[in-house]
C-alpha atoms as a PDB file:
ATOM      1  CA  MET A   1       3.283  66.115 150.712  1.00  0.00           C
ATOM      2  CA  LEU A   2       1.418  65.622 147.380  1.00  0.00           C
ATOM      3  CA  ALA A   3      -1.937  67.233 146.746  1.00  0.00           C
ATOM      4  CA  TYR A   4      -4.333  67.196 143.812  1.00  0.00           C
ATOM      5  CA  ASN A   5      -6.605  70.233 143.694  1.00  0.00           C
ATOM      6  CA  SER A   6      -9.461  69.858 141.249  1.00  0.00           C
ATOM      7  CA  GLY A   7     -10.983  73.103 142.417  1.00  0.00           C
ATOM      8  CA  MET A   8      -8.380  75.270 140.689  1.00  0.00           C
ATOM      9  CA  SER A   9      -8.313  73.426 137.346  1.00  0.00           C
ATOM     10  CA  THR A  10      -7.549  75.150 134.156  1.00  0.00           C
ATOM     11  CA  ASN A  11      -7.566  74.079 130.538  1.00  0.00           C
ATOM     12  CA  GLY A  12      -4.835  76.548 129.645  1.00  0.00           C
ATOM     13  CA  PRO A  13      -1.167  75.885 129.048  1.00  0.00           C
ATOM     14  CA  ALA A  14       0.906  73.187 130.839  1.00  0.00           C
ATOM     15  CA  ILE A  15       3.182  74.993 133.213  1.00  0.00           C
ATOM     16  CA  LEU A  16       5.446  73.711 135.928  1.00  0.00           C
ATOM     17  CA  VAL A  17       6.170  76.142 138.847  1.00  0.00           C
ATOM     18  CA  PHE A  18       8.423  75.957 141.908  1.00  0.00           C
ATOM     19  CA  ASP A  19       9.695  78.176 144.679  1.00  0.00           C
ATOM     20  CA  ALA A  20      12.246  77.580 147.430  1.00  0.00           C
ATOM     21  CA  SER A  21      12.542  81.075 148.809  1.00  0.00           C
ATOM     22  CA  THR A  22      10.945  80.225 152.197  1.00  0.00           C
ATOM     23  CA  GLU A  23      11.332  77.392 154.669  1.00  0.00           C
ATOM     24  CA  VAL A  24       9.070  75.279 152.436  1.00  0.00           C
ATOM     25  CA  VAL A  25       9.710  74.183 148.832  1.00  0.00           C
ATOM     26  CA  ASN A  26       6.457  74.566 146.840  1.00  0.00           C
ATOM     27  CA  ILE A  27       6.031  72.810 143.503  1.00  0.00           C
ATOM     28  CA  GLY A  28       2.949  73.125 141.289  1.00  0.00           C
ATOM     29  CA  LEU A  29       1.763  71.881 137.957  1.00  0.00           C
ATOM     30  CA  THR A  30      -1.227  72.854 135.847  1.00  0.00           C
ATOM     31  CA  ALA A  31      -2.045  70.762 132.825  1.00  0.00           C
ATOM     32  CA  ARG A  32      -4.988  68.956 131.193  1.00  0.00           C
ATOM     33  CA  GLY A  33      -7.463  70.771 133.318  1.00  0.00           C
ATOM     34  CA  LYS A  34      -5.841  69.540 136.548  1.00  0.00           C
ATOM     35  CA  VAL A  35      -3.579  71.138 139.144  1.00  0.00           C
ATOM     36  CA  PHE A  36      -1.036  69.180 141.170  1.00  0.00           C
ATOM     37  CA  SER A  37       1.035  70.528 143.970  1.00  0.00           C
ATOM     38  CA  ARG A  38       3.728  69.261 146.333  1.00  0.00           C
ATOM     39  CA  THR A  39       5.452  70.767 149.450  1.00  0.00           C
ATOM     40  CA  MET A  40       8.754  69.629 150.991  1.00  0.00           C
ATOM     41  CA  ALA A  41      11.404  70.894 153.367  1.00  0.00           C
ATOM     42  CA  GLY A  42      13.078  74.070 152.127  1.00  0.00           C
ATOM     43  CA  GLY A  43      15.837  76.372 153.423  1.00  0.00           C
ATOM     44  CA  ALA A  44      19.114  74.596 153.506  1.00  0.00           C
ATOM     45  CA  GLU A  45      17.383  71.368 152.353  1.00  0.00           C
ATOM     46  CA  SER A  46      16.096  72.913 149.088  1.00  0.00           C
ATOM     47  CA  SER A  47      19.126  72.060 147.034  1.00  0.00           C
ATOM     48  CA  ARG A  48      18.551  68.436 147.952  1.00  0.00           C
ATOM     49  CA  THR A  49      14.702  68.179 147.747  1.00  0.00           C
ATOM     50  CA  LEU A  50      13.798  70.424 144.806  1.00  0.00           C
ATOM     51  CA  LEU A  51      14.755  68.390 141.784  1.00  0.00           C
ATOM     52  CA  PRO A  52      13.536  65.052 143.088  1.00  0.00           C
ATOM     53  CA  GLY A  53      10.288  66.693 144.010  1.00  0.00           C
ATOM     54  CA  ILE A  54       9.827  68.103 140.510  1.00  0.00           C
ATOM     55  CA  GLU A  55      10.613  64.692 138.988  1.00  0.00           C
ATOM     56  CA  THR A  56       8.030  63.059 141.296  1.00  0.00           C
ATOM     57  CA  LEU A  57       5.320  65.572 140.528  1.00  0.00           C
ATOM     58  CA  LEU A  58       5.837  65.172 136.749  1.00  0.00           C
ATOM     59  CA  GLU A  59       5.549  61.377 137.110  1.00  0.00           C
ATOM     60  CA  ASP A  60       2.368  61.697 139.157  1.00  0.00           C
ATOM     61  CA  ALA A  61       0.836  63.865 136.491  1.00  0.00           C
ATOM     62  CA  GLY A  62       2.035  61.548 133.747  1.00  0.00           C
ATOM     63  CA  LEU A  63       4.016  64.304 131.966  1.00  0.00           C
ATOM     64  CA  THR A  64       7.508  64.938 130.765  1.00  0.00           C
ATOM     65  CA  LEU A  65       9.377  68.178 130.451  1.00  0.00           C
ATOM     66  CA  SER A  66       8.738  68.173 126.675  1.00  0.00           C
ATOM     67  CA  ALA A  67       4.976  68.263 127.346  1.00  0.00           C
ATOM     68  CA  LEU A  68       5.211  71.631 129.188  1.00  0.00           C
ATOM     69  CA  ASP A  69       4.634  74.977 127.645  1.00  0.00           C
ATOM     70  CA  ALA A  70       6.764  76.844 130.121  1.00  0.00           C
ATOM     71  CA  ILE A  71       8.555  76.588 133.439  1.00  0.00           C
ATOM     72  CA  GLY A  72       8.102  79.070 136.269  1.00  0.00           C
ATOM     73  CA  PHE A  73      10.406  79.571 139.135  1.00  0.00           C
ATOM     74  CA  GLY A  74      10.535  81.640 142.315  1.00  0.00           C
ATOM     75  CA  ALA A  75      13.237  84.277 141.839  1.00  0.00           C
ATOM     76  CA  GLY A  76      12.948  85.633 145.414  1.00  0.00           C
ATOM     77  CA  PRO A  77      13.741  87.530 147.576  1.00  0.00           C
ATOM     78  CA  GLY A  78      14.054  84.896 150.171  1.00  0.00           C
ATOM     79  CA  SER A  79      16.381  82.155 151.357  1.00  0.00           C
ATOM     80  CA  PHE A  80      19.742  82.681 149.657  1.00  0.00           C
ATOM     81  CA  THR A  81      20.204  78.902 149.170  1.00  0.00           C
ATOM     82  CA  GLY A  82      16.660  78.417 148.107  1.00  0.00           C
ATOM     83  CA  VAL A  83      16.545  81.235 145.553  1.00  0.00           C
ATOM     84  CA  ARG A  84      19.874  80.134 144.117  1.00  0.00           C
ATOM     85  CA  SER A  85      18.757  76.567 143.900  1.00  0.00           C
ATOM     86  CA  ALA A  86      15.483  77.455 142.163  1.00  0.00           C
ATOM     87  CA  THR A  87      17.196  79.575 139.633  1.00  0.00           C
ATOM     88  CA  ALA A  88      19.823  76.952 138.844  1.00  0.00           C
ATOM     89  CA  VAL A  89      17.244  74.167 138.531  1.00  0.00           C
ATOM     90  CA  ALA A  90      15.071  76.372 136.311  1.00  0.00           C
ATOM     91  CA  GLN A  91      18.004  77.049 134.022  1.00  0.00           C
ATOM     92  CA  ALA A  92      18.975  73.341 133.879  1.00  0.00           C
ATOM     93  CA  LEU A  93      15.369  72.284 133.025  1.00  0.00           C
ATOM     94  CA  SER A  94      15.055  74.978 130.386  1.00  0.00           C
ATOM     95  CA  PHE A  95      18.319  73.991 128.653  1.00  0.00           C
ATOM     96  CA  ALA A  96      17.234  70.333 128.739  1.00  0.00           C
ATOM     97  CA  SER A  97      13.796  70.840 127.455  1.00  0.00           C
ATOM     98  CA  GLY A  98      14.066  73.938 125.283  1.00  0.00           C
ATOM     99  CA  ARG A  99      11.148  75.517 127.229  1.00  0.00           C
ATOM    100  CA  ALA A 100      11.144  79.222 128.163  1.00  0.00           C
ATOM    101  CA  LEU A 101      11.114  80.349 131.771  1.00  0.00           C
ATOM    102  CA  ILE A 102       8.745  82.538 133.699  1.00  0.00           C
ATOM    103  CA  GLN A 103      10.388  84.479 136.594  1.00  0.00           C
ATOM    104  CA  ILE A 104       8.054  84.831 139.638  1.00  0.00           C
ATOM    105  CA  GLY A 105       8.749  87.207 142.463  1.00  0.00           C
ATOM    106  CA  SER A 106       7.883  85.790 145.843  1.00  0.00           C
ATOM    107  CA  LEU A 107       6.556  89.134 147.135  1.00  0.00           C
ATOM    108  CA  ASP A 108       4.568  89.718 143.909  1.00  0.00           C
ATOM    109  CA  ALA A 109       2.929  86.313 144.336  1.00  0.00           C
ATOM    110  CA  LEU A 110       1.983  87.120 147.905  1.00  0.00           C
ATOM    111  CA  ALA A 111       0.639  90.559 147.025  1.00  0.00           C
ATOM    112  CA  HIS A 112      -1.631  89.219 144.249  1.00  0.00           C
ATOM    113  CA  SER A 113      -3.022  86.512 146.596  1.00  0.00           C
ATOM    114  CA  ASP A 114      -4.807  89.261 148.558  1.00  0.00           C
ATOM    115  CA  GLU A 115      -8.542  89.339 147.761  1.00  0.00           C
ATOM    116  CA  SER A 116      -9.468  92.482 149.734  1.00  0.00           C
ATOM    117  CA  ASP A 117     -10.341  95.872 148.122  1.00  0.00           C
ATOM    118  CA  ALA A 118      -7.637  97.691 150.057  1.00  0.00           C
ATOM    119  CA  ARG A 119      -5.879 100.410 148.083  1.00  0.00           C
ATOM    120  CA  TRP A 120      -2.382  99.712 149.446  1.00  0.00           C
ATOM    121  CA  ILE A 121      -1.000  96.176 149.794  1.00  0.00           C
ATOM    122  CA  VAL A 122       2.311  95.287 151.496  1.00  0.00           C
ATOM    123  CA  ALA A 123       3.742  91.852 150.827  1.00  0.00           C
ATOM    124  CA  ALA A 124       6.282  90.764 153.431  1.00  0.00           C
ATOM    125  CA  LEU A 125       8.399  87.768 154.245  1.00  0.00           C
ATOM    126  CA  ASP A 126      10.849  86.974 157.102  1.00  0.00           C
ATOM    127  CA  ALA A 127      14.327  87.884 156.027  1.00  0.00           C
ATOM    128  CA  ARG A 128      15.956  86.662 159.282  1.00  0.00           C
ATOM    129  CA  MET A 129      18.738  88.730 160.828  1.00  0.00           C
ATOM    130  CA  SER A 130      15.918  90.861 162.487  1.00  0.00           C
ATOM    131  CA  GLU A 131      14.857  92.171 159.063  1.00  0.00           C
ATOM    132  CA  VAL A 132      11.973  91.724 156.663  1.00  0.00           C
ATOM    133  CA  TYR A 133      11.640  91.539 152.875  1.00  0.00           C
ATOM    134  CA  TYR A 134       8.847  93.802 151.749  1.00  0.00           C
ATOM    135  CA  ALA A 135       7.271  95.428 148.694  1.00  0.00           C
ATOM    136  CA  LEU A 136       4.477  97.893 148.331  1.00  0.00           C
ATOM    137  CA  TYR A 137       1.631  97.729 145.739  1.00  0.00           C
ATOM    138  CA  ARG A 138      -1.131 100.183 144.925  1.00  0.00           C
ATOM    139  CA  ARG A 139      -4.497  98.930 143.660  1.00  0.00           C
ATOM    140  CA  ASP A 140      -5.708 100.882 140.659  1.00  0.00           C
ATOM    141  CA  ALA A 141      -8.908  99.699 138.948  1.00  0.00           C
ATOM    142  CA  GLY A 142      -8.358  96.234 140.337  1.00  0.00           C
ATOM    143  CA  VAL A 143      -4.795  96.029 139.097  1.00  0.00           C
ATOM    144  CA  LEU A 144      -1.802  95.943 141.547  1.00  0.00           C
ATOM    145  CA  ILE A 145       0.953  98.339 140.590  1.00  0.00           C
ATOM    146  CA  ASN A 146       4.352  98.077 142.329  1.00  0.00           C
ATOM    147  CA  GLN A 147       5.252 101.240 144.207  1.00  0.00           C
ATOM    148  CA  ILE A 148       8.215 100.075 146.313  1.00  0.00           C
ATOM    149  CA  ALA A 149      10.419  97.450 144.744  1.00  0.00           C
ATOM    150  CA  PRO A 150      11.384  94.411 146.868  1.00  0.00           C
ATOM    151  CA  SER A 151      13.532  95.680 149.678  1.00  0.00           C
ATOM    152  CA  VAL A 152      15.030  94.564 152.964  1.00  0.00           C
ATOM    153  CA  ALA A 153      15.130  96.505 156.236  1.00  0.00           C
ATOM    154  CA  THR A 154      14.270  96.272 159.888  1.00  0.00           C
ATOM    155  CA  PRO A 155      10.582  96.272 160.701  1.00  0.00           C
ATOM    156  CA  GLN A 156      10.829  99.808 162.030  1.00  0.00           C
ATOM    157  CA  ALA A 157      12.619 101.179 158.924  1.00  0.00           C
ATOM    158  CA  ALA A 158      10.112  99.417 156.682  1.00  0.00           C
ATOM    159  CA  ARG A 159       7.174 100.835 158.662  1.00  0.00           C
ATOM    160  CA  GLU A 160       8.560 104.271 158.350  1.00  0.00           C
ATOM    161  CA  GLN A 161       8.999 104.076 154.587  1.00  0.00           C
ATOM    162  CA  LEU A 162       5.641 102.494 154.056  1.00  0.00           C
ATOM    163  CA  ASP A 163       3.790 105.082 156.111  1.00  0.00           C
ATOM    164  CA  ALA A 164       5.652 107.922 154.315  1.00  0.00           C
ATOM    165  CA  VAL A 165       4.689 106.667 150.920  1.00  0.00           C
ATOM    166  CA  THR A 166       1.082 105.671 151.551  1.00  0.00           C
ATOM    167  CA  SER A 167       0.189 108.484 154.044  1.00  0.00           C
ATOM    168  CA  SER A 168      -2.696 106.172 154.921  1.00  0.00           C
ATOM    169  CA  SER A 169      -3.414 102.710 156.144  1.00  0.00           C
ATOM    170  CA  TRP A 170      -2.110  99.677 154.343  1.00  0.00           C
ATOM    171  CA  ARG A 171      -2.918  96.033 154.466  1.00  0.00           C
ATOM    172  CA  ALA A 172      -0.081  93.543 154.808  1.00  0.00           C
ATOM    173  CA  VAL A 173      -0.027  89.911 153.624  1.00  0.00           C
ATOM    174  CA  GLY A 174       2.633  87.408 154.286  1.00  0.00           C
ATOM    175  CA  ALA A 175       4.229  85.528 157.202  1.00  0.00           C
ATOM    176  CA  ALA A 176       3.778  86.659 160.756  1.00  0.00           C
ATOM    177  CA  LEU A 177       6.131  89.618 160.792  1.00  0.00           C
ATOM    178  CA  LEU A 178       6.373  92.636 163.149  1.00  0.00           C
ATOM    179  CA  LEU A 179       5.580  95.404 160.720  1.00  0.00           C
ATOM    180  CA  ARG A 180       3.235  97.259 163.040  1.00  0.00           C
ATOM    181  CA  GLY A 181       4.275  95.883 166.405  1.00  0.00           C
ATOM    182  CA  THR A 182       1.851  93.000 166.052  1.00  0.00           C
ATOM    183  CA  ALA A 183       1.857  90.035 163.679  1.00  0.00           C
ATOM    184  CA  VAL A 184       0.910  90.831 160.106  1.00  0.00           C
ATOM    185  CA  ASP A 185      -2.661  89.906 159.097  1.00  0.00           C
ATOM    186  CA  THR A 186      -3.144  87.638 162.147  1.00  0.00           C
ATOM    187  CA  ASP A 187      -6.724  86.792 161.032  1.00  0.00           C
ATOM    188  CA  ASN A 188      -5.504  85.293 157.841  1.00  0.00           C
ATOM    189  CA  PRO A 189      -1.780  84.687 157.791  1.00  0.00           C
ATOM    190  CA  LYS A 190      -0.348  83.650 154.401  1.00  0.00           C
ATOM    191  CA  THR A 191       2.824  82.258 153.116  1.00  0.00           C
ATOM    192  CA  LEU A 192       3.768  81.248 149.575  1.00  0.00           C
ATOM    193  CA  ALA A 193       1.771  78.354 148.035  1.00  0.00           C
ATOM    194  CA  ALA A 194       1.755  76.550 144.709  1.00  0.00           C
ATOM    195  CA  ASP A 195      -1.579  78.080 143.640  1.00  0.00           C
ATOM    196  CA  MET A 196      -0.107  81.574 144.029  1.00  0.00           C
ATOM    197  CA  LEU A 197       2.795  80.652 141.813  1.00  0.00           C
ATOM    198  CA  ILE A 198       0.549  79.050 139.214  1.00  0.00           C
ATOM    199  CA  GLU A 199      -1.669  82.153 139.109  1.00  0.00           C
ATOM    200  CA  ARG A 200       1.325  84.497 138.443  1.00  0.00           C
ATOM    201  CA  ALA A 201       2.780  82.045 135.939  1.00  0.00           C
ATOM    202  CA  LEU A 202      -0.506  81.907 133.963  1.00  0.00           C
ATOM    203  CA  ASP A 203      -0.751  85.662 133.996  1.00  0.00           C
ATOM    204  CA  ALA A 204       2.868  86.057 132.751  1.00  0.00           C
ATOM    205  CA  TYR A 205       2.284  83.359 130.057  1.00  0.00           C
ATOM    206  CA  ALA A 206      -0.794  85.157 128.797  1.00  0.00           C
ATOM    207  CA  ARG A 207       1.212  88.420 128.602  1.00  0.00           C
ATOM    208  CA  GLY A 208       4.099  86.716 126.862  1.00  0.00           C
ATOM    209  CA  ALA A 209       6.458  87.484 129.717  1.00  0.00           C
ATOM    210  CA  LEU A 210       8.871  84.656 129.000  1.00  0.00           C
ATOM    211  CA  ILE A 211      12.648  84.638 129.269  1.00  0.00           C
ATOM    212  CA  ASP A 212      15.531  82.534 128.122  1.00  0.00           C
ATOM    213  CA  ALA A 213      17.501  80.419 130.586  1.00  0.00           C
ATOM    214  CA  ALA A 214      20.524  82.684 130.174  1.00  0.00           C
ATOM    215  CA  ASN A 215      18.530  85.617 131.392  1.00  0.00           C
ATOM    216  CA  ALA A 216      17.239  84.044 134.581  1.00  0.00           C
ATOM    217  CA  GLN A 217      18.439  85.947 137.594  1.00  0.00           C
ATOM    218  CA  PRO A 218      17.797  85.445 141.313  1.00  0.00           C
ATOM    219  CA  LEU A 219      16.515  88.466 143.289  1.00  0.00           C
ATOM    220  CA  TYR A 220      18.679  88.561 146.356  1.00  0.00           C
ATOM    221  CA  VAL A 221      17.908  92.170 147.440  1.00  0.00           C
ATOM    222  CA  ARG A 222      20.723  92.060 149.962  1.00  0.00           C
ATOM    223  CA  ASP A 223      24.272  90.777 149.686  1.00  0.00           C
ATOM    224  CA  LYS A 224      24.882  89.838 153.340  1.00  0.00           C
ATOM    225  CA  VAL A 225      23.110  86.489 154.028  1.00  0.00           C
ATOM    226  CA  ALA A 226      24.194  85.761 157.624  1.00  0.00           C
ATOM    227  CA  LEU A 227      25.337  87.408 160.880  1.00  0.00           C
ATOM    228  CA  THR A 228      28.753  86.740 162.292  1.00  0.00           C
ATOM    229  CA  THR A 229      28.962  85.086 165.706  1.00  0.00           C
ATOM    230  CA  THR A 230      29.861  88.496 167.359  1.00  0.00           C
ATOM    231  CA  GLU A 231      26.824  90.125 165.629  1.00  0.00           C
ATOM    232  CA  ARG A 232      24.456  87.308 166.762  1.00  0.00           C
ATOM    233  CA  GLU A 233      25.704  87.650 170.360  1.00  0.00           C
ATOM    234  CA  ALA A 234      25.312  91.480 170.266  1.00  0.00           C
ATOM    235  CA  LEU A 235      21.777  91.084 168.857  1.00  0.00           C
ATOM    236  CA  ARG A 236      20.755  88.639 171.643  1.00  0.00           C
ATOM    237  CA  ALA A 237      22.113  91.016 174.269  1.00  0.00           C
ATOM    238  CA  THR A 238      19.905  93.862 173.134  1.00  0.00           C
ATOM    239  CA  THR A 239      16.802  91.781 172.503  1.00  0.00           C
ATOM    240  CA  PRO A 240      14.294  91.765 175.432  1.00  0.00           C
END
């Protein structure tokens, strides 16, 4: 689905961003005071849909790779296939165009989308296998400072660590995950979107946080990416 969002326009650098760490592939482009975005099927489909989607978005914006100032990609954590695909595509585009890369953490993008004044922010995504990806941030003078690096654990283990570190209430943003026994942020559920990626890419570009293609690395967090048949059956037997 293609969208043009004139409400988030910027006259800054021309940056292409994309992320495939969730079940949806998000692609965004900011250039010439305009912002374009596109969403497609992700997950196992990301390796097939990502590059054609990027090509279509560039065509719709009337731009080529050489017209970009930088390329931002979602490094994860998230879908193993999606994160790996995004990193590989980013490296290929960087080598082809000579443009530097911006590495965007999926949880970091989620955390910075929160507009509340809460002191503690937890960004969370579904990690499957009855686990969650999560990271903790502390708000200090309006700036989010990472306190727990991206991690993966069961919801119960994540809650215990978060409560121990914050010793107070925390606000969670992300997909509907059982971090407190109820869905996270049910009044305003969020998942990754192109505007979040663009915001983090623009911030990184302004700070000069650019990397070469050879240094692009996916953030897997965990090595095991799937349960065996025996493990899945055991999990179903213990799940109410």
